[in-house]
Structures are given as structure tokens and as C-alpha cells.
Amino acid sequence: MSYILNIETATKNCSVALAKDGKTILCKEIAEEGYSHAERLHVFIEEIIKESEITFQDLSAIAVSQGPGSYTGLRIGVSAAKGLCYALGIPLIAVDTLQVLASQVKVSNGLIIPMLDARRMEVYSAIFTPNFENKRAVQAEVITESSFENLRETLYFVGDCAEKGKTVLTKENFIFLEEIKYPSAKEMSFLSFDKYQKNDFVDVAYFEPYYLKDFMMTVSKK
């Protein structure tokens, strides 16, 4: 029996889920306009452990969404995951954020394209089959009217880019599932358990989130 705590903080959704043998048994999450990860994350973790009536020592591993996504959100999530792994002496599992997002889509044909906002018309995107197999690696790209034009299958777009994506991605085979906006820790459960069974762990000391783009610092105009 394996308990894995899954942490997803790559977007505005601060999400924590406890899984038992790959199945989510409890999830707490909140998506707010202003990031509340620093205030909410540790509260959610403690509440889930208490409400599940287990102890931290019962955990077999910690899984964290590795990015791409918000620089600050990823740092908070990874720091918390590393701290727990160090304290408990358990392995750390890194899960692809876009695969977690794509895993919310239940279709039998076509392709799934998760996209997360990366400022202006830039997005982080990848392409997955209905079985959530990666068909194209993660990219940071500017979306235009010619984006994905070589793909003839039905394309299902998910993520927080629907509003700007629909202005340029207008072909008949493009479908926006606007209700699926953010990745959630509850979709990490199967993915993290699969990696746990394969001993697919990352080094707790050296693991860094997958930022994809350099963090941009701007000088205040005040």
C-alpha cells in the first residue's frame, strides 16, 4: 500500500491531493486571481493528512508538478516537496504539468493540446494522444493563425489560454474545452504512482522546476 502526496502549484490553482495506490482519496485546491500558494499550500497539506487519518510517516513519496508554469508557484511547490522529502527520508517524483492538464480530457480520438499562458501571445504547449502519450515535446511558442495547421485530426485545446487562443486558432477541427483551465493534483495520482512503481525518482538535492523560459525581472516605474 502506497500513499503519495501530490502537489500542483504551477498555475493559479493551488492544489494538493493524497493518493492511495494511484487513486485520489482526498483533494484540496483553490484557484484565485492573486496567487495564494504561500498562504494555502502548507495549510492544505496539514488538513489532508489530518482528515485522511494518516501520519506524514505513512507517506511513501511526494510528487510535485515540475512545470512549465508560474515561476513563483513552481518555486513554492518544489520547495515544499523537497522539505518534506528531506524530513521524511522519502523519494521525490516530478510530473509534467502539461500532461497533468491533458489528463482531464476524456476523448477517444484526435489529439489533446494543453496550453498555459506565458504572457502576450506566448504559450507553453505540448501534444498528447487520447491515451496521454506525448506526441510532441513541451515548447514555449507564439501562437498565430498558422499554429498547428499541419495537424488534420480534431484538436482539443485546454488550459488558461482559451480567450486569446480563440482569436487566432479558428479552424474547424480546433475545439476549445474552456471548462478545463488549470492542472489539478487529483490528476497527478495515476501518473505519480506509475513513476513510483518504476522507481522513477528525481534527486531531492539537485532537482529544479522546468521553467522553460528565463524569469524576467522588471524595474518598478515608481
C-alpha atoms as a PDB file:
ATOM      1  CA  MET A   1       0.000   0.000   0.000  1.00  0.00           C
ATOM      2  CA  SER A   2       1.446   3.327  -1.099  1.00  0.00           C
ATOM      3  CA  TYR A   3       0.380   6.799  -0.060  1.00  0.00           C
ATOM      4  CA  ILE A   4       1.679   9.593  -2.297  1.00  0.00           C
ATOM      5  CA  LEU A   5       1.117  13.283  -1.620  1.00  0.00           C
ATOM      6  CA  ASN A   6       0.711  15.192  -4.901  1.00  0.00           C
ATOM      7  CA  ILE A   7       1.432  18.933  -5.096  1.00  0.00           C
ATOM      8  CA  GLU A   8       0.386  21.122  -8.045  1.00  0.00           C
ATOM      9  CA  THR A   9       1.282  24.835  -7.900  1.00  0.00           C
ATOM     10  CA  ALA A  10       2.364  25.611 -11.476  1.00  0.00           C
ATOM     11  CA  THR A  11      -0.648  27.855 -12.163  1.00  0.00           C
ATOM     12  CA  LYS A  12      -3.146  29.928 -10.181  1.00  0.00           C
ATOM     13  CA  ASN A  13      -4.582  26.665  -8.869  1.00  0.00           C
ATOM     14  CA  CYS A  14      -3.004  25.753  -5.536  1.00  0.00           C
ATOM     15  CA  SER A  15      -3.812  22.051  -5.374  1.00  0.00           C
ATOM     16  CA  VAL A  16      -2.867  19.157  -3.080  1.00  0.00           C
ATOM     17  CA  ALA A  17      -4.121  15.577  -3.310  1.00  0.00           C
ATOM     18  CA  LEU A  18      -3.465  12.395  -1.369  1.00  0.00           C
ATOM     19  CA  ALA A  19      -3.470   9.185  -3.400  1.00  0.00           C
ATOM     20  CA  LYS A  20      -3.549   5.581  -2.265  1.00  0.00           C
ATOM     21  CA  ASP A  21      -2.121   3.126  -4.797  1.00  0.00           C
ATOM     22  CA  GLY A  22      -2.656   5.618  -7.619  1.00  0.00           C
ATOM     23  CA  LYS A  23      -6.215   6.660  -6.722  1.00  0.00           C
ATOM     24  CA  THR A  24      -7.052  10.073  -5.292  1.00  0.00           C
ATOM     25  CA  ILE A  25      -8.731   9.802  -1.893  1.00  0.00           C
ATOM     26  CA  LEU A  26      -8.758  13.495  -0.939  1.00  0.00           C
ATOM     27  CA  CYS A  27      -8.003  16.755  -2.747  1.00  0.00           C
ATOM     28  CA  LYS A  28      -7.969  20.383  -1.631  1.00  0.00           C
ATOM     29  CA  GLU A  29      -7.484  23.213  -4.089  1.00  0.00           C
ATOM     30  CA  ILE A  30      -8.301  26.809  -4.813  1.00  0.00           C
ATOM     31  CA  ALA A  31      -7.722  28.943  -7.896  1.00  0.00           C
ATOM     32  CA  GLU A  32      -7.621  32.686  -7.237  1.00  0.00           C
ATOM     33  CA  GLU A  33      -6.727  35.674  -9.380  1.00  0.00           C
ATOM     34  CA  GLY A  34      -3.969  36.555  -6.942  1.00  0.00           C
ATOM     35  CA  TYR A  35      -1.585  33.719  -6.183  1.00  0.00           C
ATOM     36  CA  SER A  36      -2.210  32.389  -2.657  1.00  0.00           C
ATOM     37  CA  HIS A  37       0.157  29.435  -2.771  1.00  0.00           C
ATOM     38  CA  ALA A  38       2.436  30.653   0.008  1.00  0.00           C
ATOM     39  CA  GLU A  39      -0.524  31.010   2.389  1.00  0.00           C
ATOM     40  CA  ARG A  40      -2.570  27.993   1.317  1.00  0.00           C
ATOM     41  CA  LEU A  41      -0.175  25.182   0.400  1.00  0.00           C
ATOM     42  CA  HIS A  42       1.047  24.103   3.840  1.00  0.00           C
ATOM     43  CA  VAL A  43      -2.452  24.515   5.292  1.00  0.00           C
ATOM     44  CA  PHE A  44      -3.857  22.181   2.624  1.00  0.00           C
ATOM     45  CA  ILE A  45      -1.095  19.628   3.259  1.00  0.00           C
ATOM     46  CA  GLU A  46      -1.710  19.564   7.003  1.00  0.00           C
ATOM     47  CA  GLU A  47      -5.501  19.388   6.564  1.00  0.00           C
ATOM     48  CA  ILE A  48      -5.267  16.483   4.138  1.00  0.00           C
ATOM     49  CA  ILE A  49      -3.007  14.457   6.424  1.00  0.00           C
ATOM     50  CA  LYS A  50      -5.297  15.110   9.399  1.00  0.00           C
ATOM     51  CA  GLU A  51      -8.574  14.412   7.561  1.00  0.00           C
ATOM     52  CA  SER A  52      -7.175  11.227   5.983  1.00  0.00           C
ATOM     53  CA  GLU A  53      -6.270   9.949   9.459  1.00  0.00           C
ATOM     54  CA  ILE A  54      -2.741   9.038   8.448  1.00  0.00           C
ATOM     55  CA  THR A  55       0.600  10.488   9.550  1.00  0.00           C
ATOM     56  CA  PHE A  56       3.373  12.028   7.498  1.00  0.00           C
ATOM     57  CA  GLN A  57       5.390   8.885   8.248  1.00  0.00           C
ATOM     58  CA  ASP A  58       2.812   6.865   6.291  1.00  0.00           C
ATOM     59  CA  LEU A  59       3.730   8.649   3.053  1.00  0.00           C
ATOM     60  CA  SER A  60       5.739   6.623   0.527  1.00  0.00           C
ATOM     61  CA  ALA A  61       6.722   9.566  -1.693  1.00  0.00           C
ATOM     62  CA  ILE A  62       5.997  13.183  -2.567  1.00  0.00           C
ATOM     63  CA  ALA A  63       5.087  14.127  -6.144  1.00  0.00           C
ATOM     64  CA  VAL A  64       5.333  17.663  -7.484  1.00  0.00           C
ATOM     65  CA  SER A  65       4.251  19.257 -10.741  1.00  0.00           C
ATOM     66  CA  GLN A  66       7.545  20.162 -12.422  1.00  0.00           C
ATOM     67  CA  GLY A  67       6.384  22.848 -14.866  1.00  0.00           C
ATOM     68  CA  PRO A  68       6.344  24.709 -17.073  1.00  0.00           C
ATOM     69  CA  GLY A  69       4.277  27.389 -15.383  1.00  0.00           C
ATOM     70  CA  SER A  70       4.464  30.241 -12.911  1.00  0.00           C
ATOM     71  CA  TYR A  71       7.985  30.838 -11.658  1.00  0.00           C
ATOM     72  CA  THR A  72       6.822  31.731  -8.150  1.00  0.00           C
ATOM     73  CA  GLY A  73       4.245  28.967  -7.987  1.00  0.00           C
ATOM     74  CA  LEU A  74       6.727  26.315  -9.075  1.00  0.00           C
ATOM     75  CA  ARG A  75       9.334  27.502  -6.571  1.00  0.00           C
ATOM     76  CA  ILE A  76       6.836  27.305  -3.708  1.00  0.00           C
ATOM     77  CA  GLY A  77       5.622  23.837  -4.657  1.00  0.00           C
ATOM     78  CA  VAL A  78       9.068  22.356  -5.256  1.00  0.00           C
ATOM     79  CA  SER A  79      10.482  23.881  -2.048  1.00  0.00           C
ATOM     80  CA  ALA A  80       7.653  22.358  -0.014  1.00  0.00           C
ATOM     81  CA  ALA A  81       8.045  18.966  -1.699  1.00  0.00           C
ATOM     82  CA  LYS A  82      11.808  18.935  -1.143  1.00  0.00           C
ATOM     83  CA  GLY A  83      11.409  19.901   2.504  1.00  0.00           C
ATOM     84  CA  LEU A  84       9.011  17.035   3.130  1.00  0.00           C
ATOM     85  CA  CYS A  85      11.230  14.539   1.328  1.00  0.00           C
ATOM     86  CA  TYR A  86      14.288  15.607   3.330  1.00  0.00           C
ATOM     87  CA  ALA A  87      12.426  15.466   6.640  1.00  0.00           C
ATOM     88  CA  LEU A  88      10.737  12.130   5.971  1.00  0.00           C
ATOM     89  CA  GLY A  89      13.543  10.434   4.037  1.00  0.00           C
ATOM     90  CA  ILE A  90      11.264   9.536   1.125  1.00  0.00           C
ATOM     91  CA  PRO A  91      11.704   9.920  -2.661  1.00  0.00           C
ATOM     92  CA  LEU A  92      10.634  12.858  -4.816  1.00  0.00           C
ATOM     93  CA  ILE A  93       8.655  12.335  -8.030  1.00  0.00           C
ATOM     94  CA  ALA A  94       8.423  15.009 -10.757  1.00  0.00           C
ATOM     95  CA  VAL A  95       5.345  15.027 -13.010  1.00  0.00           C
ATOM     96  CA  ASP A  96       4.944  17.002 -16.238  1.00  0.00           C
ATOM     97  CA  THR A  97       2.476  19.856 -15.662  1.00  0.00           C
ATOM     98  CA  LEU A  98       1.053  19.792 -19.189  1.00  0.00           C
ATOM     99  CA  GLN A  99       0.474  16.047 -19.000  1.00  0.00           C
ATOM    100  CA  VAL A 100      -1.437  16.608 -15.754  1.00  0.00           C
ATOM    101  CA  LEU A 101      -3.573  19.223 -17.530  1.00  0.00           C
ATOM    102  CA  ALA A 102      -4.154  16.960 -20.550  1.00  0.00           C
ATOM    103  CA  SER A 103      -5.209  14.088 -18.283  1.00  0.00           C
ATOM    104  CA  GLN A 104      -8.515  15.839 -17.550  1.00  0.00           C
ATOM    105  CA  VAL A 105      -9.659  15.297 -21.158  1.00  0.00           C
ATOM    106  CA  LYS A 106     -11.638  12.132 -21.894  1.00  0.00           C
ATOM    107  CA  VAL A 107     -11.825  11.609 -25.659  1.00  0.00           C
ATOM    108  CA  SER A 108     -11.368   8.569 -27.907  1.00  0.00           C
ATOM    109  CA  ASN A 109      -9.881  10.243 -30.973  1.00  0.00           C
ATOM    110  CA  GLY A 110      -7.963  13.311 -32.079  1.00  0.00           C
ATOM    111  CA  LEU A 111      -5.165  15.000 -30.148  1.00  0.00           C
ATOM    112  CA  ILE A 112      -5.063  16.918 -26.878  1.00  0.00           C
ATOM    113  CA  ILE A 113      -3.147  20.198 -26.733  1.00  0.00           C
ATOM    114  CA  PRO A 114      -2.701  21.633 -23.239  1.00  0.00           C
ATOM    115  CA  MET A 115      -1.645  25.296 -23.252  1.00  0.00           C
ATOM    116  CA  LEU A 116      -0.647  27.542 -20.364  1.00  0.00           C
ATOM    117  CA  ASP A 117      -0.271  31.301 -20.551  1.00  0.00           C
ATOM    118  CA  ALA A 118       3.275  32.629 -20.929  1.00  0.00           C
ATOM    119  CA  ARG A 119       2.468  36.352 -21.446  1.00  0.00           C
ATOM    120  CA  ARG A 120       1.302  38.181 -24.564  1.00  0.00           C
ATOM    121  CA  MET A 121       0.575  35.627 -27.321  1.00  0.00           C
ATOM    122  CA  GLU A 122       3.118  33.167 -25.965  1.00  0.00           C
ATOM    123  CA  VAL A 123       2.052  29.833 -24.512  1.00  0.00           C
ATOM    124  CA  TYR A 124       3.611  26.695 -23.104  1.00  0.00           C
ATOM    125  CA  SER A 125       2.161  23.795 -25.054  1.00  0.00           C
ATOM    126  CA  ALA A 126       2.561  20.112 -25.819  1.00  0.00           C
ATOM    127  CA  ILE A 127       0.631  17.499 -27.796  1.00  0.00           C
ATOM    128  CA  PHE A 128      -0.788  14.269 -26.355  1.00  0.00           C
ATOM    129  CA  THR A 129      -2.773  11.335 -27.689  1.00  0.00           C
ATOM    130  CA  PRO A 130      -6.123  10.376 -26.059  1.00  0.00           C
ATOM    131  CA  ASN A 131      -4.070   7.860 -24.028  1.00  0.00           C
ATOM    132  CA  PHE A 132      -1.940  10.770 -22.771  1.00  0.00           C
ATOM    133  CA  GLU A 133       1.174   9.653 -24.600  1.00  0.00           C
ATOM    134  CA  ASN A 134       3.444  12.543 -25.518  1.00  0.00           C
ATOM    135  CA  LYS A 135       3.414  13.215 -29.258  1.00  0.00           C
ATOM    136  CA  ARG A 136       5.383  16.495 -29.214  1.00  0.00           C
ATOM    137  CA  ALA A 137       7.693  17.857 -26.556  1.00  0.00           C
ATOM    138  CA  VAL A 138       6.860  20.929 -24.486  1.00  0.00           C
ATOM    139  CA  GLN A 139       7.540  24.214 -26.247  1.00  0.00           C
ATOM    140  CA  ALA A 140       7.281  27.916 -25.473  1.00  0.00           C
ATOM    141  CA  GLU A 141       5.791  29.380 -28.634  1.00  0.00           C
ATOM    142  CA  VAL A 142       3.901  32.340 -30.029  1.00  0.00           C
ATOM    143  CA  ILE A 143       0.501  31.190 -31.303  1.00  0.00           C
ATOM    144  CA  THR A 144      -0.601  32.516 -34.688  1.00  0.00           C
ATOM    145  CA  GLU A 145      -3.183  31.628 -37.325  1.00  0.00           C
ATOM    146  CA  SER A 146      -0.741  29.077 -38.755  1.00  0.00           C
ATOM    147  CA  SER A 147      -0.104  27.284 -35.457  1.00  0.00           C
ATOM    148  CA  PHE A 148      -0.960  23.567 -35.613  1.00  0.00           C
ATOM    149  CA  GLU A 149      -2.160  23.919 -39.226  1.00  0.00           C
ATOM    150  CA  ASN A 150      -0.308  20.737 -40.241  1.00  0.00           C
ATOM    151  CA  LEU A 151      -2.454  18.641 -37.888  1.00  0.00           C
ATOM    152  CA  ARG A 152      -5.611  17.306 -39.558  1.00  0.00           C
ATOM    153  CA  GLU A 153      -7.033  15.481 -36.545  1.00  0.00           C
ATOM    154  CA  THR A 154      -9.571  17.021 -34.210  1.00  0.00           C
ATOM    155  CA  LEU A 155      -7.564  19.097 -31.731  1.00  0.00           C
ATOM    156  CA  TYR A 156      -8.818  19.597 -28.181  1.00  0.00           C
ATOM    157  CA  PHE A 157      -7.312  22.673 -26.531  1.00  0.00           C
ATOM    158  CA  VAL A 158      -7.306  23.007 -22.749  1.00  0.00           C
ATOM    159  CA  GLY A 159      -5.710  25.454 -20.338  1.00  0.00           C
ATOM    160  CA  ASP A 160      -5.943  29.100 -19.378  1.00  0.00           C
ATOM    161  CA  CYS A 161      -5.289  30.412 -22.913  1.00  0.00           C
ATOM    162  CA  ALA A 162      -8.737  29.917 -24.452  1.00  0.00           C
ATOM    163  CA  GLU A 163      -9.599  33.613 -24.565  1.00  0.00           C
ATOM    164  CA  LYS A 164      -6.541  34.652 -26.555  1.00  0.00           C
ATOM    165  CA  GLY A 165      -6.203  31.329 -28.387  1.00  0.00           C
ATOM    166  CA  LYS A 166      -9.669  31.518 -29.934  1.00  0.00           C
ATOM    167  CA  THR A 167      -8.797  34.824 -31.600  1.00  0.00           C
ATOM    168  CA  VAL A 168      -6.259  33.139 -33.906  1.00  0.00           C
ATOM    169  CA  LEU A 169      -6.919  29.391 -33.720  1.00  0.00           C
ATOM    170  CA  THR A 170     -10.161  29.309 -35.698  1.00  0.00           C
ATOM    171  CA  LYS A 171     -10.011  26.204 -37.920  1.00  0.00           C
ATOM    172  CA  GLU A 172     -12.962  23.821 -37.901  1.00  0.00           C
ATOM    173  CA  ASN A 173     -11.001  20.984 -36.317  1.00  0.00           C
ATOM    174  CA  PHE A 174      -9.991  23.175 -33.324  1.00  0.00           C
ATOM    175  CA  ILE A 175     -12.140  22.624 -30.227  1.00  0.00           C
ATOM    176  CA  PHE A 176     -11.622  24.607 -27.010  1.00  0.00           C
ATOM    177  CA  LEU A 177     -12.670  22.842 -23.800  1.00  0.00           C
ATOM    178  CA  GLU A 178     -12.872  26.042 -21.791  1.00  0.00           C
ATOM    179  CA  GLU A 179     -14.074  24.341 -18.606  1.00  0.00           C
ATOM    180  CA  ILE A 180     -10.646  22.687 -18.243  1.00  0.00           C
ATOM    181  CA  LYS A 181      -8.495  25.648 -17.274  1.00  0.00           C
ATOM    182  CA  TYR A 182      -5.872  24.564 -14.744  1.00  0.00           C
ATOM    183  CA  PRO A 183      -3.988  21.361 -13.875  1.00  0.00           C
ATOM    184  CA  SER A 184      -5.084  19.689 -10.641  1.00  0.00           C
ATOM    185  CA  ALA A 185      -3.235  17.487  -8.165  1.00  0.00           C
ATOM    186  CA  LYS A 186      -6.009  14.890  -8.368  1.00  0.00           C
ATOM    187  CA  GLU A 187      -4.959  14.134 -11.947  1.00  0.00           C
ATOM    188  CA  MET A 188      -1.386  13.540 -10.747  1.00  0.00           C
ATOM    189  CA  SER A 189      -2.305  10.424  -8.768  1.00  0.00           C
ATOM    190  CA  PHE A 190      -2.106   7.825 -11.544  1.00  0.00           C
ATOM    191  CA  LEU A 191       0.943   9.483 -13.137  1.00  0.00           C
ATOM    192  CA  SER A 192       2.923   9.685  -9.899  1.00  0.00           C
ATOM    193  CA  PHE A 193       2.048   6.128  -8.874  1.00  0.00           C
ATOM    194  CA  ASP A 194       3.222   4.836 -12.258  1.00  0.00           C
ATOM    195  CA  LYS A 195       6.562   6.572 -11.725  1.00  0.00           C
ATOM    196  CA  TYR A 196       6.733   5.282  -8.143  1.00  0.00           C
ATOM    197  CA  GLN A 197       6.345   1.692  -9.313  1.00  0.00           C
ATOM    198  CA  LYS A 198       9.162   2.240 -11.826  1.00  0.00           C
ATOM    199  CA  ASN A 199      11.428   3.890  -9.221  1.00  0.00           C
ATOM    200  CA  ASP A 200      11.420   6.948 -11.483  1.00  0.00           C
ATOM    201  CA  PHE A 201      12.581   9.490  -8.917  1.00  0.00           C
ATOM    202  CA  VAL A 202      14.482  12.778  -9.112  1.00  0.00           C
ATOM    203  CA  ASP A 203      17.394  13.880  -6.951  1.00  0.00           C
ATOM    204  CA  VAL A 204      15.987  15.822  -3.998  1.00  0.00           C
ATOM    205  CA  ALA A 205      19.134  17.919  -3.685  1.00  0.00           C
ATOM    206  CA  TYR A 206      19.530  18.956  -7.314  1.00  0.00           C
ATOM    207  CA  PHE A 207      16.056  18.900  -8.825  1.00  0.00           C
ATOM    208  CA  GLU A 208      14.861  22.220 -10.257  1.00  0.00           C
ATOM    209  CA  PRO A 209      11.474  23.082 -11.796  1.00  0.00           C
ATOM    210  CA  TYR A 210      11.146  23.124 -15.573  1.00  0.00           C
ATOM    211  CA  TYR A 211      10.820  26.855 -16.193  1.00  0.00           C
ATOM    212  CA  LEU A 212      11.356  26.617 -19.978  1.00  0.00           C
ATOM    213  CA  LYS A 213      11.855  30.405 -20.219  1.00  0.00           C
ATOM    214  CA  ASP A 214      14.187  32.579 -18.181  1.00  0.00           C
ATOM    215  CA  PHE A 215      12.475  34.506 -15.408  1.00  0.00           C
ATOM    216  CA  MET A 216      12.006  38.128 -16.444  1.00  0.00           C
ATOM    217  CA  MET A 217      12.683  40.832 -13.855  1.00  0.00           C
ATOM    218  CA  THR A 218      11.235  44.294 -14.454  1.00  0.00           C
ATOM    219  CA  VAL A 219      12.098  47.556 -12.744  1.00  0.00           C
ATOM    220  CA  SER A 220       9.249  49.360 -10.996  1.00  0.00           C
ATOM    221  CA  LYS A 221       8.186  52.645 -12.588  1.00  0.00           C
ATOM    222  CA  LYS A 222       7.516  54.157  -9.184  1.00  0.00           C
END
